Structures are given as structure tokens and as C-alpha cells.
Amino acid sequence: QVQLVESGGGLVQAGGSLRLSCAASGRTLSSYRMAWFRQAPGKEREFVTTISASGGSTYYADSVKGRFTISRDNAKNTVYLQMNSLKPEDTAVYYCAARGIERGGSYYSTGNYNYWGQGTQVTVSS
């Protein structure tokens, strides 16, 4: 089992930055692909970004490409999401997710991740 705990959310003005962290316990993260998803009120949870177990490859949703950066520190069992140039439409609860490297399926689908954190609220004011 992997337990994930997100932190770093908050209220920020448009154009500002936040850095989210996802700390894992129970298992080492070096065997897991990690991802960030987000869910705005009244909307479905959507893919934001993912990073391979080694950190060698990343993918981003078009809506955040060039503004958000995912990274990981396997020694610290932590994944990060650096969010710059934030927009009001980035307001959502942000969730960290993990899946074993042996698991297949689309990176973009919530159903293909085994473990989830409780989420952290990000609010961007205009």
C-alpha cells in the first residue's frame, strides 16, 4: 500500500505561483509512475501531468503546458508540481496519484491509478 499526502495549496492571485508537494509513505515511489489530477466544482477530475518512475519522461495537459512542471525526488519519496502563471481557471482541488510501473493503460485516465491522496485546494483569484 502507498499512502499519499498532498500539501502546498492555497489562495494566490492570477499570475502567481504555487508549489504542491506529494509525500508518500508505505512504499518507495521509485517503482511508481506519478501524476497530478485536478477537479473543479461541478466538473470531472481531469489529468494535469504525469512523470515516469525514473523521472525521465513527463507529459502535460495542453491547458498547463509551459506553465506547470512536475518533478520527483525518489530519495525523499516526494513528487512536486510547480505551478507558475496561474489563472483563475486553474482553481480546483489537486490530487496526487500513483500507479505501479507494471500497470498499463492510458496515463490520462483516473481509472488507471491505484493510489490517491486526499487532495489540496488551489484557488486563483482574478
N, C-alpha and C. Protein backbone atom coordinates (compact mmCIF):
# COMPACT_ATOMS: atom_id res chain seq x y z
N GLN A 1 0.83 -1.20 0.00
CA GLN A 1 0.00 0.00 0.00
C GLN A 1 0.86 1.25 0.00
N VAL A 2 0.37 2.25 -0.68
CA VAL A 2 1.04 3.54 -0.73
C VAL A 2 0.08 4.59 -0.19
N GLN A 3 0.55 5.38 0.74
CA GLN A 3 -0.25 6.49 1.24
C GLN A 3 0.35 7.79 0.69
N LEU A 4 -0.52 8.63 0.17
CA LEU A 4 -0.09 9.88 -0.45
C LEU A 4 -0.72 11.06 0.28
N VAL A 5 0.09 12.06 0.57
CA VAL A 5 -0.42 13.26 1.25
C VAL A 5 0.06 14.49 0.49
N GLU A 6 -0.90 15.26 -0.02
CA GLU A 6 -0.58 16.49 -0.73
C GLU A 6 -0.50 17.67 0.24
N SER A 7 0.27 18.66 -0.15
CA SER A 7 0.36 19.90 0.62
C SER A 7 0.79 21.02 -0.33
N GLY A 8 0.66 22.25 0.16
CA GLY A 8 1.13 23.39 -0.61
C GLY A 8 0.05 24.20 -1.30
N GLY A 9 -1.18 23.74 -1.21
CA GLY A 9 -2.25 24.50 -1.83
C GLY A 9 -2.52 25.80 -1.08
N GLY A 10 -3.36 26.64 -1.68
CA GLY A 10 -3.70 27.90 -1.03
C GLY A 10 -4.36 28.86 -1.98
N LEU A 11 -4.44 30.10 -1.57
CA LEU A 11 -5.05 31.18 -2.34
C LEU A 11 -3.94 32.04 -2.93
N VAL A 12 -4.02 32.28 -4.22
CA VAL A 12 -3.00 33.08 -4.90
C VAL A 12 -3.68 33.94 -5.95
N GLN A 13 -3.09 35.08 -6.24
CA GLN A 13 -3.62 35.93 -7.29
C GLN A 13 -3.21 35.42 -8.67
N ALA A 14 -4.00 35.76 -9.65
CA ALA A 14 -3.68 35.39 -11.02
C ALA A 14 -2.28 35.89 -11.37
N GLY A 15 -1.53 35.04 -12.05
CA GLY A 15 -0.15 35.36 -12.38
C GLY A 15 0.86 34.88 -11.37
N GLY A 16 0.37 34.45 -10.21
CA GLY A 16 1.25 34.00 -9.16
C GLY A 16 1.67 32.55 -9.32
N SER A 17 2.37 32.06 -8.31
CA SER A 17 2.91 30.70 -8.35
C SER A 17 2.63 29.96 -7.05
N LEU A 18 2.55 28.65 -7.16
CA LEU A 18 2.45 27.77 -6.02
C LEU A 18 3.25 26.51 -6.32
N ARG A 19 3.73 25.88 -5.27
CA ARG A 19 4.40 24.60 -5.42
C ARG A 19 3.70 23.57 -4.54
N LEU A 20 3.14 22.57 -5.18
CA LEU A 20 2.50 21.48 -4.46
C LEU A 20 3.50 20.36 -4.22
N SER A 21 3.32 19.68 -3.10
CA SER A 21 4.13 18.51 -2.79
C SER A 21 3.21 17.32 -2.53
N CYS A 22 3.72 16.15 -2.85
CA CYS A 22 3.01 14.90 -2.59
C CYS A 22 4.01 13.96 -1.93
N ALA A 23 3.81 13.74 -0.64
CA ALA A 23 4.71 12.88 0.11
C ALA A 23 4.11 11.49 0.24
N ALA A 24 4.93 10.49 0.00
CA ALA A 24 4.46 9.11 0.03
C ALA A 24 5.03 8.36 1.22
N SER A 25 4.26 7.41 1.70
CA SER A 25 4.74 6.50 2.75
C SER A 25 4.20 5.12 2.45
N GLY A 26 4.81 4.13 3.06
CA GLY A 26 4.36 2.76 2.87
C GLY A 26 5.19 2.00 1.86
N ARG A 27 5.55 2.65 0.78
CA ARG A 27 6.37 2.02 -0.25
C ARG A 27 7.27 3.10 -0.84
N THR A 28 8.38 2.67 -1.40
CA THR A 28 9.22 3.63 -2.11
C THR A 28 8.57 3.99 -3.44
N LEU A 29 8.63 5.26 -3.79
CA LEU A 29 7.97 5.71 -5.02
C LEU A 29 8.74 5.38 -6.28
N SER A 30 9.94 4.86 -6.14
CA SER A 30 10.77 4.64 -7.32
C SER A 30 10.20 3.59 -8.26
N SER A 31 9.18 2.85 -7.82
CA SER A 31 8.56 1.84 -8.68
C SER A 31 7.20 2.29 -9.19
N TYR A 32 6.91 3.58 -9.05
CA TYR A 32 5.59 4.06 -9.42
C TYR A 32 5.66 5.24 -10.39
N ARG A 33 4.80 5.20 -11.38
CA ARG A 33 4.52 6.38 -12.17
C ARG A 33 3.63 7.26 -11.31
N MET A 34 3.89 8.56 -11.33
CA MET A 34 3.13 9.51 -10.53
C MET A 34 2.42 10.51 -11.44
N ALA A 35 1.33 11.05 -10.92
CA ALA A 35 0.57 12.01 -11.71
C ALA A 35 -0.13 13.00 -10.79
N TRP A 36 -0.51 14.10 -11.38
CA TRP A 36 -1.38 15.08 -10.74
C TRP A 36 -2.65 15.20 -11.57
N PHE A 37 -3.77 15.19 -10.89
CA PHE A 37 -5.07 15.44 -11.48
C PHE A 37 -5.69 16.61 -10.71
N ARG A 38 -6.74 17.17 -11.27
CA ARG A 38 -7.45 18.24 -10.55
C ARG A 38 -8.94 18.13 -10.83
N GLN A 39 -9.71 18.66 -9.90
CA GLN A 39 -11.16 18.63 -10.03
C GLN A 39 -11.74 19.96 -9.57
N ALA A 40 -12.36 20.65 -10.49
CA ALA A 40 -13.04 21.90 -10.19
C ALA A 40 -14.48 21.60 -9.80
N PRO A 41 -15.12 22.50 -9.07
CA PRO A 41 -16.51 22.28 -8.65
C PRO A 41 -17.42 22.00 -9.83
N GLY A 42 -18.19 20.93 -9.73
CA GLY A 42 -19.14 20.59 -10.77
C GLY A 42 -18.54 19.95 -12.01
N LYS A 43 -17.24 19.68 -11.98
CA LYS A 43 -16.58 19.09 -13.14
C LYS A 43 -15.95 17.75 -12.77
N GLU A 44 -15.63 16.98 -13.80
CA GLU A 44 -14.96 15.72 -13.58
C GLU A 44 -13.48 15.95 -13.27
N ARG A 45 -12.91 14.96 -12.62
CA ARG A 45 -11.48 15.02 -12.34
C ARG A 45 -10.73 14.91 -13.66
N GLU A 46 -9.75 15.78 -13.85
CA GLU A 46 -9.04 15.81 -15.11
C GLU A 46 -7.53 15.68 -14.91
N PHE A 47 -6.90 15.09 -15.92
CA PHE A 47 -5.46 14.91 -15.93
C PHE A 47 -4.74 16.24 -16.04
N VAL A 48 -3.66 16.38 -15.28
CA VAL A 48 -2.82 17.57 -15.35
C VAL A 48 -1.44 17.22 -15.91
N THR A 49 -0.79 16.26 -15.26
CA THR A 49 0.57 15.91 -15.68
C THR A 49 0.98 14.58 -15.07
N THR A 50 1.96 13.92 -15.69
CA THR A 50 2.48 12.67 -15.16
C THR A 50 3.98 12.61 -15.38
N ILE A 51 4.64 11.81 -14.54
CA ILE A 51 6.08 11.62 -14.63
C ILE A 51 6.39 10.14 -14.45
N SER A 52 7.33 9.65 -15.24
CA SER A 52 7.70 8.24 -15.15
C SER A 52 8.41 7.94 -13.83
N ALA A 53 8.57 6.65 -13.55
CA ALA A 53 9.17 6.24 -12.28
C ALA A 53 10.58 6.79 -12.12
N SER A 54 11.31 6.83 -13.21
CA SER A 54 12.69 7.33 -13.16
C SER A 54 12.77 8.85 -13.22
N GLY A 55 11.66 9.46 -13.63
CA GLY A 55 11.67 10.91 -13.83
C GLY A 55 12.13 11.32 -15.21
N GLY A 56 12.38 10.34 -16.07
CA GLY A 56 12.94 10.63 -17.37
C GLY A 56 11.95 11.15 -18.40
N SER A 57 10.66 10.93 -18.18
CA SER A 57 9.68 11.42 -19.14
C SER A 57 8.49 12.03 -18.42
N THR A 58 7.97 13.07 -19.02
CA THR A 58 6.82 13.77 -18.47
C THR A 58 5.83 14.09 -19.58
N TYR A 59 4.57 14.22 -19.19
CA TYR A 59 3.52 14.61 -20.12
C TYR A 59 2.63 15.62 -19.41
N TYR A 60 2.09 16.56 -20.20
CA TYR A 60 1.27 17.60 -19.62
C TYR A 60 -0.01 17.77 -20.43
N ALA A 61 -1.07 18.15 -19.75
CA ALA A 61 -2.28 18.58 -20.42
C ALA A 61 -1.97 19.87 -21.15
N ASP A 62 -2.60 20.07 -22.29
CA ASP A 62 -2.35 21.28 -23.08
C ASP A 62 -2.63 22.54 -22.27
N SER A 63 -3.60 22.47 -21.37
CA SER A 63 -4.01 23.65 -20.62
C SER A 63 -2.94 24.14 -19.64
N VAL A 64 -1.97 23.29 -19.30
CA VAL A 64 -0.95 23.69 -18.33
C VAL A 64 0.46 23.67 -18.92
N LYS A 65 0.58 23.20 -20.14
CA LYS A 65 1.90 23.08 -20.75
C LYS A 65 2.60 24.44 -20.80
N GLY A 66 3.86 24.46 -20.39
CA GLY A 66 4.62 25.70 -20.37
C GLY A 66 4.46 26.50 -19.10
N ARG A 67 3.49 26.13 -18.26
CA ARG A 67 3.27 26.86 -17.00
C ARG A 67 3.54 25.97 -15.78
N PHE A 68 3.23 24.69 -15.89
CA PHE A 68 3.40 23.76 -14.78
C PHE A 68 4.58 22.84 -15.06
N THR A 69 5.24 22.42 -13.98
CA THR A 69 6.35 21.48 -14.09
C THR A 69 6.25 20.42 -13.00
N ILE A 70 6.24 19.17 -13.41
CA ILE A 70 6.24 18.07 -12.45
C ILE A 70 7.66 17.58 -12.27
N SER A 71 7.99 17.21 -11.04
CA SER A 71 9.31 16.66 -10.76
C SER A 71 9.18 15.68 -9.60
N ARG A 72 10.22 14.92 -9.39
CA ARG A 72 10.18 13.96 -8.29
C ARG A 72 11.55 13.81 -7.68
N ASP A 73 11.55 13.49 -6.40
CA ASP A 73 12.78 13.19 -5.67
C ASP A 73 12.54 11.84 -5.02
N ASN A 74 13.00 10.79 -5.67
CA ASN A 74 12.74 9.45 -5.16
C ASN A 74 13.44 9.20 -3.82
N ALA A 75 14.53 9.88 -3.57
CA ALA A 75 15.22 9.73 -2.29
C ALA A 75 14.37 10.26 -1.14
N LYS A 76 13.56 11.28 -1.45
CA LYS A 76 12.68 11.88 -0.44
C LYS A 76 11.26 11.32 -0.54
N ASN A 77 11.05 10.42 -1.51
CA ASN A 77 9.70 9.84 -1.71
C ASN A 77 8.65 10.92 -1.90
N THR A 78 8.99 11.92 -2.70
CA THR A 78 8.12 13.08 -2.87
C THR A 78 8.06 13.48 -4.33
N VAL A 79 6.88 13.90 -4.73
CA VAL A 79 6.64 14.43 -6.07
C VAL A 79 6.18 15.88 -5.91
N TYR A 80 6.56 16.70 -6.87
CA TYR A 80 6.25 18.13 -6.79
C TYR A 80 5.50 18.58 -8.04
N LEU A 81 4.73 19.64 -7.88
CA LEU A 81 4.10 20.31 -9.00
C LEU A 81 4.34 21.80 -8.83
N GLN A 82 5.22 22.34 -9.66
CA GLN A 82 5.47 23.78 -9.66
C GLN A 82 4.48 24.42 -10.64
N MET A 83 3.69 25.34 -10.13
CA MET A 83 2.66 25.98 -10.95
C MET A 83 2.96 27.47 -11.04
N ASN A 84 3.22 27.93 -12.24
CA ASN A 84 3.51 29.34 -12.50
C ASN A 84 2.43 29.95 -13.38
N SER A 85 2.41 31.25 -13.42
CA SER A 85 1.45 31.99 -14.26
C SER A 85 0.03 31.45 -14.06
N LEU A 86 -0.35 31.32 -12.82
CA LEU A 86 -1.65 30.72 -12.51
C LEU A 86 -2.80 31.58 -13.01
N LYS A 87 -3.86 30.90 -13.42
CA LYS A 87 -5.06 31.54 -13.95
C LYS A 87 -6.25 31.14 -13.08
N PRO A 88 -7.30 31.96 -13.08
CA PRO A 88 -8.50 31.59 -12.30
C PRO A 88 -9.04 30.21 -12.68
N GLU A 89 -8.90 29.82 -13.94
CA GLU A 89 -9.40 28.51 -14.37
C GLU A 89 -8.56 27.36 -13.84
N ASP A 90 -7.45 27.64 -13.19
CA ASP A 90 -6.67 26.59 -12.54
C ASP A 90 -7.22 26.25 -11.15
N THR A 91 -8.20 27.00 -10.70
CA THR A 91 -8.81 26.74 -9.40
C THR A 91 -9.44 25.36 -9.36
N ALA A 92 -9.03 24.57 -8.40
CA ALA A 92 -9.50 23.18 -8.29
C ALA A 92 -8.88 22.55 -7.05
N VAL A 93 -9.37 21.37 -6.74
CA VAL A 93 -8.68 20.51 -5.78
C VAL A 93 -7.69 19.67 -6.58
N TYR A 94 -6.45 19.68 -6.17
CA TYR A 94 -5.38 18.96 -6.88
C TYR A 94 -5.06 17.66 -6.14
N TYR A 95 -5.05 16.58 -6.90
CA TYR A 95 -4.82 15.25 -6.34
C TYR A 95 -3.54 14.64 -6.91
N CYS A 96 -2.81 14.00 -6.04
CA CYS A 96 -1.65 13.22 -6.42
C CYS A 96 -2.10 11.77 -6.60
N ALA A 97 -1.54 11.09 -7.59
CA ALA A 97 -1.91 9.71 -7.86
C ALA A 97 -0.68 8.89 -8.21
N ALA A 98 -0.75 7.59 -7.92
CA ALA A 98 0.37 6.69 -8.21
C ALA A 98 -0.13 5.40 -8.83
N ARG A 99 0.70 4.83 -9.71
CA ARG A 99 0.40 3.50 -10.23
C ARG A 99 1.71 2.75 -10.43
N GLY A 100 1.67 1.44 -10.23
CA GLY A 100 2.86 0.65 -10.39
C GLY A 100 3.34 0.67 -11.84
N ILE A 101 4.62 0.51 -12.04
CA ILE A 101 5.18 0.59 -13.37
C ILE A 101 4.70 -0.55 -14.27
N GLU A 102 4.20 -1.62 -13.65
CA GLU A 102 3.73 -2.75 -14.44
C GLU A 102 2.32 -2.53 -14.99
N ARG A 103 1.66 -1.50 -14.47
CA ARG A 103 0.27 -1.27 -14.87
C ARG A 103 0.22 -0.54 -16.19
N GLY A 104 -0.62 -1.01 -17.08
CA GLY A 104 -0.75 -0.38 -18.38
C GLY A 104 -1.97 0.53 -18.44
N GLY A 105 -2.28 0.97 -19.63
CA GLY A 105 -3.43 1.83 -19.83
C GLY A 105 -3.02 3.28 -19.94
N SER A 106 -3.98 4.08 -20.33
CA SER A 106 -3.72 5.50 -20.57
C SER A 106 -3.23 6.21 -19.33
N TYR A 107 -2.25 7.09 -19.51
CA TYR A 107 -1.75 7.91 -18.40
C TYR A 107 -2.81 8.91 -17.96
N TYR A 108 -3.76 9.19 -18.86
CA TYR A 108 -4.67 10.29 -18.64
C TYR A 108 -5.95 9.88 -17.90
N SER A 109 -6.12 8.60 -17.68
CA SER A 109 -7.36 8.10 -17.10
C SER A 109 -7.23 7.88 -15.61
N THR A 110 -8.17 8.40 -14.83
CA THR A 110 -8.15 8.22 -13.39
C THR A 110 -8.23 6.74 -13.01
N GLY A 111 -8.90 5.95 -13.81
CA GLY A 111 -9.07 4.54 -13.50
C GLY A 111 -7.80 3.72 -13.57
N ASN A 112 -6.75 4.28 -14.12
CA ASN A 112 -5.50 3.54 -14.27
C ASN A 112 -4.49 3.87 -13.18
N TYR A 113 -4.94 4.50 -12.12
CA TYR A 113 -4.07 4.80 -10.98
C TYR A 113 -4.61 4.10 -9.75
N ASN A 114 -3.69 3.47 -9.00
CA ASN A 114 -4.09 2.65 -7.86
C ASN A 114 -4.29 3.46 -6.58
N TYR A 115 -3.49 4.49 -6.42
CA TYR A 115 -3.46 5.19 -5.14
C TYR A 115 -3.67 6.69 -5.34
N TRP A 116 -4.38 7.27 -4.38
CA TRP A 116 -4.72 8.69 -4.45
C TRP A 116 -4.53 9.35 -3.11
N GLY A 117 -4.14 10.63 -3.17
CA GLY A 117 -4.11 11.44 -1.96
C GLY A 117 -5.49 12.04 -1.69
N GLN A 118 -5.57 12.82 -0.63
CA GLN A 118 -6.86 13.40 -0.23
C GLN A 118 -7.14 14.71 -0.94
N GLY A 119 -6.13 15.27 -1.58
CA GLY A 119 -6.30 16.50 -2.35
C GLY A 119 -5.91 17.74 -1.57
N THR A 120 -5.54 18.78 -2.31
CA THR A 120 -5.23 20.07 -1.72
C THR A 120 -5.86 21.15 -2.59
N GLN A 121 -6.50 22.12 -1.95
CA GLN A 121 -7.25 23.15 -2.66
C GLN A 121 -6.31 24.23 -3.18
N VAL A 122 -6.49 24.55 -4.44
CA VAL A 122 -5.79 25.69 -5.06
C VAL A 122 -6.86 26.65 -5.56
N THR A 123 -6.78 27.89 -5.11
CA THR A 123 -7.72 28.92 -5.53
C THR A 123 -6.96 30.09 -6.10
N VAL A 124 -7.29 30.45 -7.34
CA VAL A 124 -6.63 31.55 -8.02
C VAL A 124 -7.64 32.67 -8.20
N SER A 125 -7.36 33.81 -7.62
CA SER A 125 -8.27 34.94 -7.71
C SER A 125 -7.88 35.84 -8.88
N SER A 126 -8.89 36.46 -9.48
CA SER A 126 -8.64 37.32 -10.64
C SER A 126 -8.37 38.75 -10.22
